């Protein structure tokens, strides 16, 4: 048991060093970087595609997307018009800072202001891995149950924002807003909460305005090359 803990600490320490390197590079370019996490089926890809479409007139985004297999999500995200790079992780259930660094070098950086990292669909492993992001965004759909934050506390404890997605299904799913908000306050009192439906557009304008405000606070430290 002791040996397992030491190995895990070594892996995370290496990842943290590489994440800091990523962060320095992103900050130098004035990029706002989001690490977007959720369970499978939360509507993450559709939410990001519609977010990028809405932001496009004011903010240029690039996307790195991670999946165990297939490039299906990358193809859907390209419909937004943003440059997209796919990471196929195979058996690895999360993205790591080194993977993101390699993928980032493949992006067209011309005019890029926002980098979105769509992490592998998983509410356990990705919580431990810093990728160099500015903001950690966790999606939770109304179809998943109001107790999800209590079942997966590390993921929500690290969140800057929680997106409650698929609000168009709230009534059909008997969504208990009061219960979910209470659970989020217990586990993640620091997180800003947005209720959205990418399908109908509900709440998307407010979310995009929030991102625009965040981007204005991220200016390059050094001239971009």
C-alpha atoms as a PDB file:
ATOM      1  CA  UNK A   1       0.000   0.000   0.000  1.00  0.00           C
ATOM      2  CA  UNK A   2       2.812   2.391   0.894  1.00  0.00           C
ATOM      3  CA  UNK A   3       4.508   1.774  -2.442  1.00  0.00           C
ATOM      4  CA  UNK A   4       1.271   2.521  -4.353  1.00  0.00           C
ATOM      5  CA  UNK A   5       0.923   5.905  -2.641  1.00  0.00           C
ATOM      6  CA  UNK A   6       4.525   6.815  -3.469  1.00  0.00           C
ATOM      7  CA  UNK A   7       4.089   5.941  -7.141  1.00  0.00           C
ATOM      8  CA  UNK A   8       0.882   7.974  -7.364  1.00  0.00           C
ATOM      9  CA  UNK A   9       2.530  10.970  -5.726  1.00  0.00           C
ATOM     10  CA  UNK A  10       5.422  10.765  -8.173  1.00  0.00           C
ATOM     11  CA  UNK A  11       3.075  10.689 -11.169  1.00  0.00           C
ATOM     12  CA  UNK A  12       1.067  13.670  -9.929  1.00  0.00           C
ATOM     13  CA  UNK A  13       4.211  15.641  -9.073  1.00  0.00           C
ATOM     14  CA  UNK A  14       5.489  15.239 -12.646  1.00  0.00           C
ATOM     15  CA  UNK A  15       2.083  16.234 -14.023  1.00  0.00           C
ATOM     16  CA  UNK A  16       1.968  19.315 -11.793  1.00  0.00           C
ATOM     17  CA  UNK A  17       5.370  20.489 -13.069  1.00  0.00           C
ATOM     18  CA  UNK A  18       4.236  20.114 -16.673  1.00  0.00           C
ATOM     19  CA  UNK A  19       0.933  21.826 -15.872  1.00  0.00           C
ATOM     20  CA  UNK A  20       2.812  24.843 -14.538  1.00  0.00           C
ATOM     21  CA  UNK A  21       4.805  24.936 -17.759  1.00  0.00           C
ATOM     22  CA  UNK A  22       1.540  24.886 -19.725  1.00  0.00           C
ATOM     23  CA  UNK A  23       0.106  27.615 -17.542  1.00  0.00           C
ATOM     24  CA  UNK A  24       3.077  29.878 -18.131  1.00  0.00           C
ATOM     25  CA  UNK A  25       2.805  29.432 -21.885  1.00  0.00           C
ATOM     26  CA  UNK A  26      -0.949  30.060 -21.877  1.00  0.00           C
ATOM     27  CA  UNK A  27      -0.582  33.158 -19.712  1.00  0.00           C
ATOM     28  CA  UNK A  28       2.150  34.555 -21.938  1.00  0.00           C
ATOM     29  CA  UNK A  29      -0.257  34.381 -24.869  1.00  0.00           C
ATOM     30  CA  UNK A  30      -3.130  35.886 -22.887  1.00  0.00           C
ATOM     31  CA  UNK A  31      -5.264  32.778 -23.347  1.00  0.00           C
ATOM     32  CA  UNK A  32      -8.211  31.982 -21.129  1.00  0.00           C
ATOM     33  CA  UNK A  33      -8.095  28.204 -20.657  1.00  0.00           C
ATOM     34  CA  UNK A  34     -11.015  26.040 -19.539  1.00  0.00           C
ATOM     35  CA  UNK A  35     -10.802  22.427 -18.390  1.00  0.00           C
ATOM     36  CA  UNK A  36     -14.326  21.074 -18.943  1.00  0.00           C
ATOM     37  CA  UNK A  37     -15.271  17.884 -17.134  1.00  0.00           C
ATOM     38  CA  UNK A  38     -18.363  15.734 -16.694  1.00  0.00           C
ATOM     39  CA  UNK A  39     -19.733  12.227 -16.640  1.00  0.00           C
ATOM     40  CA  UNK A  40     -20.484  10.631 -20.032  1.00  0.00           C
ATOM     41  CA  UNK A  41     -23.796  11.787 -21.499  1.00  0.00           C
ATOM     42  CA  UNK A  42     -23.995  15.163 -19.764  1.00  0.00           C
ATOM     43  CA  UNK A  43     -24.288  17.033 -23.074  1.00  0.00           C
ATOM     44  CA  UNK A  44     -20.764  18.444 -22.816  1.00  0.00           C
ATOM     45  CA  UNK A  45     -19.940  18.373 -26.527  1.00  0.00           C
ATOM     46  CA  UNK A  46     -23.189  20.019 -27.612  1.00  0.00           C
ATOM     47  CA  UNK A  47     -22.829  22.630 -24.884  1.00  0.00           C
ATOM     48  CA  UNK A  48     -19.292  23.495 -26.011  1.00  0.00           C
ATOM     49  CA  UNK A  49     -20.214  23.571 -29.698  1.00  0.00           C
ATOM     50  CA  UNK A  50     -23.043  26.028 -29.048  1.00  0.00           C
ATOM     51  CA  UNK A  51     -20.892  28.095 -26.680  1.00  0.00           C
ATOM     52  CA  UNK A  52     -18.225  28.520 -29.354  1.00  0.00           C
ATOM     53  CA  UNK A  53     -20.831  29.427 -31.977  1.00  0.00           C
ATOM     54  CA  UNK A  54     -22.296  32.127 -29.753  1.00  0.00           C
ATOM     55  CA  UNK A  55     -18.875  33.491 -28.829  1.00  0.00           C
ATOM     56  CA  UNK A  56     -17.485  33.447 -32.376  1.00  0.00           C
ATOM     57  CA  UNK A  57     -18.271  37.069 -33.290  1.00  0.00           C
ATOM     58  CA  UNK A  58     -16.413  38.337 -30.213  1.00  0.00           C
ATOM     59  CA  UNK A  59     -13.975  35.625 -29.146  1.00  0.00           C
ATOM     60  CA  UNK A  60     -11.910  33.125 -31.130  1.00  0.00           C
ATOM     61  CA  UNK A  61     -11.713  29.704 -29.494  1.00  0.00           C
ATOM     62  CA  UNK A  62      -9.675  26.573 -30.081  1.00  0.00           C
ATOM     63  CA  UNK A  63     -10.590  23.161 -28.693  1.00  0.00           C
ATOM     64  CA  UNK A  64      -8.644  20.147 -27.485  1.00  0.00           C
ATOM     65  CA  UNK A  65     -10.908  17.142 -27.005  1.00  0.00           C
ATOM     66  CA  UNK A  66     -10.064  13.908 -25.225  1.00  0.00           C
ATOM     67  CA  UNK A  67     -11.774  10.543 -25.628  1.00  0.00           C
ATOM     68  CA  UNK A  68     -10.784   6.946 -25.049  1.00  0.00           C
ATOM     69  CA  UNK A  69     -11.705   6.082 -28.634  1.00  0.00           C
ATOM     70  CA  UNK A  70     -13.146   7.597 -31.850  1.00  0.00           C
ATOM     71  CA  UNK A  71     -13.001  11.206 -33.043  1.00  0.00           C
ATOM     72  CA  UNK A  72     -16.787  11.617 -32.989  1.00  0.00           C
ATOM     73  CA  UNK A  73     -16.763  14.529 -30.536  1.00  0.00           C
ATOM     74  CA  UNK A  74     -13.985  16.294 -32.443  1.00  0.00           C
ATOM     75  CA  UNK A  75     -16.012  16.075 -35.660  1.00  0.00           C
ATOM     76  CA  UNK A  76     -19.083  17.509 -33.901  1.00  0.00           C
ATOM     77  CA  UNK A  77     -17.055  20.331 -32.391  1.00  0.00           C
ATOM     78  CA  UNK A  78     -15.593  21.288 -35.777  1.00  0.00           C
ATOM     79  CA  UNK A  79     -19.140  22.222 -36.768  1.00  0.00           C
ATOM     80  CA  UNK A  80     -18.643  25.296 -34.574  1.00  0.00           C
ATOM     81  CA  UNK A  81     -15.957  26.562 -36.947  1.00  0.00           C
ATOM     82  CA  UNK A  82     -13.247  26.407 -34.286  1.00  0.00           C
ATOM     83  CA  UNK A  83      -9.925  24.604 -34.806  1.00  0.00           C
ATOM     84  CA  UNK A  84     -10.054  21.251 -32.999  1.00  0.00           C
ATOM     85  CA  UNK A  85      -7.349  18.760 -32.031  1.00  0.00           C
ATOM     86  CA  UNK A  86      -8.267  15.238 -30.929  1.00  0.00           C
ATOM     87  CA  UNK A  87      -6.471  13.291 -28.188  1.00  0.00           C
ATOM     88  CA  UNK A  88      -7.285   9.581 -28.171  1.00  0.00           C
ATOM     89  CA  UNK A  89      -6.253   8.223 -24.779  1.00  0.00           C
ATOM     90  CA  UNK A  90      -6.881   4.496 -25.324  1.00  0.00           C
ATOM     91  CA  UNK A  91      -7.202   3.003 -21.837  1.00  0.00           C
ATOM     92  CA  UNK A  92      -6.349   6.219 -19.955  1.00  0.00           C
ATOM     93  CA  UNK A  93      -9.475   7.683 -18.321  1.00  0.00           C
ATOM     94  CA  UNK A  94      -8.248  11.290 -18.092  1.00  0.00           C
ATOM     95  CA  UNK A  95      -6.128  13.899 -19.840  1.00  0.00           C
ATOM     96  CA  UNK A  96      -2.691  14.792 -18.520  1.00  0.00           C
ATOM     97  CA  UNK A  97      -0.681  17.996 -18.839  1.00  0.00           C
ATOM     98  CA  UNK A  98       1.828  16.402 -21.233  1.00  0.00           C
ATOM     99  CA  UNK A  99      -0.974  15.269 -23.574  1.00  0.00           C
ATOM    100  CA  UNK A 100      -2.377  18.793 -23.638  1.00  0.00           C
ATOM    101  CA  UNK A 101       1.052  20.308 -24.372  1.00  0.00           C
ATOM    102  CA  UNK A 102       1.523  18.020 -27.382  1.00  0.00           C
ATOM    103  CA  UNK A 103      -1.989  18.700 -28.681  1.00  0.00           C
ATOM    104  CA  UNK A 104      -1.677  22.461 -28.215  1.00  0.00           C
ATOM    105  CA  UNK A 105       1.319  22.557 -30.554  1.00  0.00           C
ATOM    106  CA  UNK A 106      -0.970  21.277 -33.313  1.00  0.00           C
ATOM    107  CA  UNK A 107      -3.482  24.121 -33.007  1.00  0.00           C
ATOM    108  CA  UNK A 108      -3.539  27.181 -35.227  1.00  0.00           C
ATOM    109  CA  UNK A 109      -2.812  29.889 -32.656  1.00  0.00           C
ATOM    110  CA  UNK A 110      -3.541  32.836 -34.941  1.00  0.00           C
ATOM    111  CA  UNK A 111      -5.839  35.173 -33.035  1.00  0.00           C
ATOM    112  CA  UNK A 112      -6.690  32.502 -30.454  1.00  0.00           C
ATOM    113  CA  UNK A 113      -8.131  33.963 -27.236  1.00  0.00           C
ATOM    114  CA  UNK A 114      -9.904  31.025 -25.589  1.00  0.00           C
ATOM    115  CA  UNK A 115      -8.692  27.437 -25.275  1.00  0.00           C
ATOM    116  CA  UNK A 116     -11.280  24.839 -24.283  1.00  0.00           C
ATOM    117  CA  UNK A 117     -10.091  21.435 -23.128  1.00  0.00           C
ATOM    118  CA  UNK A 118     -12.895  18.878 -23.239  1.00  0.00           C
ATOM    119  CA  UNK A 119     -11.697  16.215 -20.843  1.00  0.00           C
ATOM    120  CA  UNK A 120     -12.546  12.515 -20.969  1.00  0.00           C
ATOM    121  CA  UNK A 121     -16.061  11.766 -19.667  1.00  0.00           C
ATOM    122  CA  UNK A 122     -15.327  10.644 -16.110  1.00  0.00           C
ATOM    123  CA  UNK A 123     -16.068  12.118 -12.682  1.00  0.00           C
ATOM    124  CA  UNK A 124     -13.204  10.385 -10.841  1.00  0.00           C
ATOM    125  CA  UNK A 125      -9.747  10.336 -12.476  1.00  0.00           C
ATOM    126  CA  UNK A 126      -9.663  13.798 -14.120  1.00  0.00           C
ATOM    127  CA  UNK A 127     -10.210  15.530 -10.771  1.00  0.00           C
ATOM    128  CA  UNK A 128      -6.591  14.835  -9.748  1.00  0.00           C
ATOM    129  CA  UNK A 129      -4.881  16.190 -12.867  1.00  0.00           C
ATOM    130  CA  UNK A 130      -4.056  19.863 -13.341  1.00  0.00           C
ATOM    131  CA  UNK A 131      -3.702  20.675 -17.040  1.00  0.00           C
ATOM    132  CA  UNK A 132      -2.574  24.277 -16.638  1.00  0.00           C
ATOM    133  CA  UNK A 133      -6.098  25.673 -16.936  1.00  0.00           C
ATOM    134  CA  UNK A 134      -7.401  28.929 -15.519  1.00  0.00           C
ATOM    135  CA  UNK A 135     -10.894  27.668 -14.791  1.00  0.00           C
ATOM    136  CA  UNK A 136     -12.272  24.217 -14.103  1.00  0.00           C
ATOM    137  CA  UNK A 137     -15.829  23.743 -15.366  1.00  0.00           C
ATOM    138  CA  UNK A 138     -17.959  20.756 -14.336  1.00  0.00           C
ATOM    139  CA  UNK A 139     -21.153  19.847 -16.181  1.00  0.00           C
ATOM    140  CA  UNK A 140     -24.017  18.096 -14.432  1.00  0.00           C
ATOM    141  CA  UNK A 141     -27.162  17.356 -16.398  1.00  0.00           C
ATOM    142  CA  UNK A 142     -30.636  17.358 -14.848  1.00  0.00           C
ATOM    143  CA  UNK A 143     -30.914  13.697 -15.872  1.00  0.00           C
ATOM    144  CA  UNK A 144     -28.106  12.592 -13.523  1.00  0.00           C
ATOM    145  CA  UNK A 145     -29.726  13.157 -10.138  1.00  0.00           C
ATOM    146  CA  UNK A 146     -29.373  15.846  -7.507  1.00  0.00           C
ATOM    147  CA  UNK A 147     -27.031  13.785  -5.320  1.00  0.00           C
ATOM    148  CA  UNK A 148     -24.186  13.572  -7.875  1.00  0.00           C
ATOM    149  CA  UNK A 149     -22.066  16.237  -6.070  1.00  0.00           C
ATOM    150  CA  UNK A 150     -22.271  14.179  -2.873  1.00  0.00           C
ATOM    151  CA  UNK A 151     -21.229  10.991  -4.683  1.00  0.00           C
ATOM    152  CA  UNK A 152     -18.222  12.584  -6.436  1.00  0.00           C
ATOM    153  CA  UNK A 153     -17.071  15.360  -4.084  1.00  0.00           C
ATOM    154  CA  UNK A 154     -13.443  15.762  -5.297  1.00  0.00           C
ATOM    155  CA  UNK A 155     -14.595  16.719  -8.784  1.00  0.00           C
ATOM    156  CA  UNK A 156     -17.021  19.372  -7.550  1.00  0.00           C
ATOM    157  CA  UNK A 157     -14.723  20.657  -4.798  1.00  0.00           C
ATOM    158  CA  UNK A 158     -12.215  21.657  -7.485  1.00  0.00           C
ATOM    159  CA  UNK A 159     -14.787  23.361  -9.731  1.00  0.00           C
ATOM    160  CA  UNK A 160     -14.804  27.091 -10.387  1.00  0.00           C
ATOM    161  CA  UNK A 161     -18.080  26.773 -12.267  1.00  0.00           C
ATOM    162  CA  UNK A 162     -20.819  24.159 -12.347  1.00  0.00           C
ATOM    163  CA  UNK A 163     -22.987  24.033 -15.445  1.00  0.00           C
ATOM    164  CA  UNK A 164     -26.394  22.419 -14.919  1.00  0.00           C
ATOM    165  CA  UNK A 165     -27.160  21.235 -18.428  1.00  0.00           C
ATOM    166  CA  UNK A 166     -30.186  19.967 -20.354  1.00  0.00           C
ATOM    167  CA  UNK A 167     -32.556  22.334 -18.581  1.00  0.00           C
ATOM    168  CA  UNK A 168     -35.079  21.703 -21.369  1.00  0.00           C
ATOM    169  CA  UNK A 169     -35.577  18.265 -19.739  1.00  0.00           C
ATOM    170  CA  UNK A 170     -35.938  19.601 -16.195  1.00  0.00           C
ATOM    171  CA  UNK A 171     -39.684  19.139 -15.918  1.00  0.00           C
ATOM    172  CA  UNK A 172     -39.668  15.690 -17.506  1.00  0.00           C
ATOM    173  CA  UNK A 173     -36.939  14.575 -15.094  1.00  0.00           C
ATOM    174  CA  UNK A 174     -38.633  16.131 -12.026  1.00  0.00           C
ATOM    175  CA  UNK A 175     -35.520  18.219 -11.493  1.00  0.00           C
ATOM    176  CA  UNK A 176     -35.284  19.318  -7.852  1.00  0.00           C
ATOM    177  CA  UNK A 177     -33.472  22.637  -8.115  1.00  0.00           C
ATOM    178  CA  UNK A 178     -33.505  23.305  -4.378  1.00  0.00           C
ATOM    179  CA  UNK A 179     -31.969  19.929  -3.537  1.00  0.00           C
ATOM    180  CA  UNK A 180     -29.196  20.223  -6.130  1.00  0.00           C
ATOM    181  CA  UNK A 181     -28.321  23.765  -5.111  1.00  0.00           C
ATOM    182  CA  UNK A 182     -28.173  22.650  -1.479  1.00  0.00           C
ATOM    183  CA  UNK A 183     -25.838  19.770  -2.332  1.00  0.00           C
ATOM    184  CA  UNK A 184     -23.605  22.041  -4.369  1.00  0.00           C
ATOM    185  CA  UNK A 185     -23.374  24.524  -1.498  1.00  0.00           C
ATOM    186  CA  UNK A 186     -22.279  21.704   0.810  1.00  0.00           C
ATOM    187  CA  UNK A 187     -19.582  20.370  -1.508  1.00  0.00           C
ATOM    188  CA  UNK A 188     -18.617  23.329  -3.708  1.00  0.00           C
ATOM    189  CA  UNK A 189     -19.643  26.634  -2.117  1.00  0.00           C
ATOM    190  CA  UNK A 190     -17.013  28.433  -4.215  1.00  0.00           C
ATOM    191  CA  UNK A 191     -18.495  27.400  -7.564  1.00  0.00           C
ATOM    192  CA  UNK A 192     -20.540  29.755  -9.698  1.00  0.00           C
ATOM    193  CA  UNK A 193     -23.607  27.933 -11.052  1.00  0.00           C
ATOM    194  CA  UNK A 194     -25.195  28.324 -14.489  1.00  0.00           C
ATOM    195  CA  UNK A 195     -28.390  26.594 -15.610  1.00  0.00           C
ATOM    196  CA  UNK A 196     -28.411  26.115 -19.363  1.00  0.00           C
ATOM    197  CA  UNK A 197     -29.929  24.295 -22.289  1.00  0.00           C
ATOM    198  CA  UNK A 198     -27.745  24.145 -25.370  1.00  0.00           C
ATOM    199  CA  UNK A 199     -30.776  22.893 -27.294  1.00  0.00           C
ATOM    200  CA  UNK A 200     -33.094  25.842 -26.565  1.00  0.00           C
ATOM    201  CA  UNK A 201     -30.465  28.471 -25.727  1.00  0.00           C
ATOM    202  CA  UNK A 202     -31.713  28.947 -22.156  1.00  0.00           C
ATOM    203  CA  UNK A 203     -28.989  30.522 -20.015  1.00  0.00           C
ATOM    204  CA  UNK A 204     -26.370  30.429 -22.772  1.00  0.00           C
ATOM    205  CA  UNK A 205     -26.124  34.200 -23.190  1.00  0.00           C
ATOM    206  CA  UNK A 206     -25.325  34.665 -19.514  1.00  0.00           C
ATOM    207  CA  UNK A 207     -22.677  31.955 -19.668  1.00  0.00           C
ATOM    208  CA  UNK A 208     -21.052  33.513 -22.715  1.00  0.00           C
ATOM    209  CA  UNK A 209     -21.070  36.982 -21.175  1.00  0.00           C
ATOM    210  CA  UNK A 210     -19.305  35.517 -18.153  1.00  0.00           C
ATOM    211  CA  UNK A 211     -16.578  34.066 -20.402  1.00  0.00           C
ATOM    212  CA  UNK A 212     -16.138  37.349 -22.240  1.00  0.00           C
ATOM    213  CA  UNK A 213     -15.633  39.113 -18.920  1.00  0.00           C
ATOM    214  CA  UNK A 214     -13.105  36.497 -17.827  1.00  0.00           C
ATOM    215  CA  UNK A 215     -11.209  36.847 -21.102  1.00  0.00           C
ATOM    216  CA  UNK A 216     -10.901  40.603 -20.691  1.00  0.00           C
ATOM    217  CA  UNK A 217      -8.998  39.944 -17.466  1.00  0.00           C
ATOM    218  CA  UNK A 218      -6.463  37.712 -19.262  1.00  0.00           C
ATOM    219  CA  UNK A 219      -4.066  39.841 -21.309  1.00  0.00           C
ATOM    220  CA  UNK A 220      -0.681  38.714 -22.637  1.00  0.00           C
ATOM    221  CA  UNK A 221       2.247  39.253 -20.288  1.00  0.00           C
ATOM    222  CA  UNK A 222       4.723  39.350 -23.171  1.00  0.00           C
ATOM    223  CA  UNK A 223       4.324  40.161 -26.862  1.00  0.00           C
ATOM    224  CA  UNK A 224       2.921  37.252 -28.860  1.00  0.00           C
ATOM    225  CA  UNK A 225       5.090  35.861 -31.653  1.00  0.00           C
END
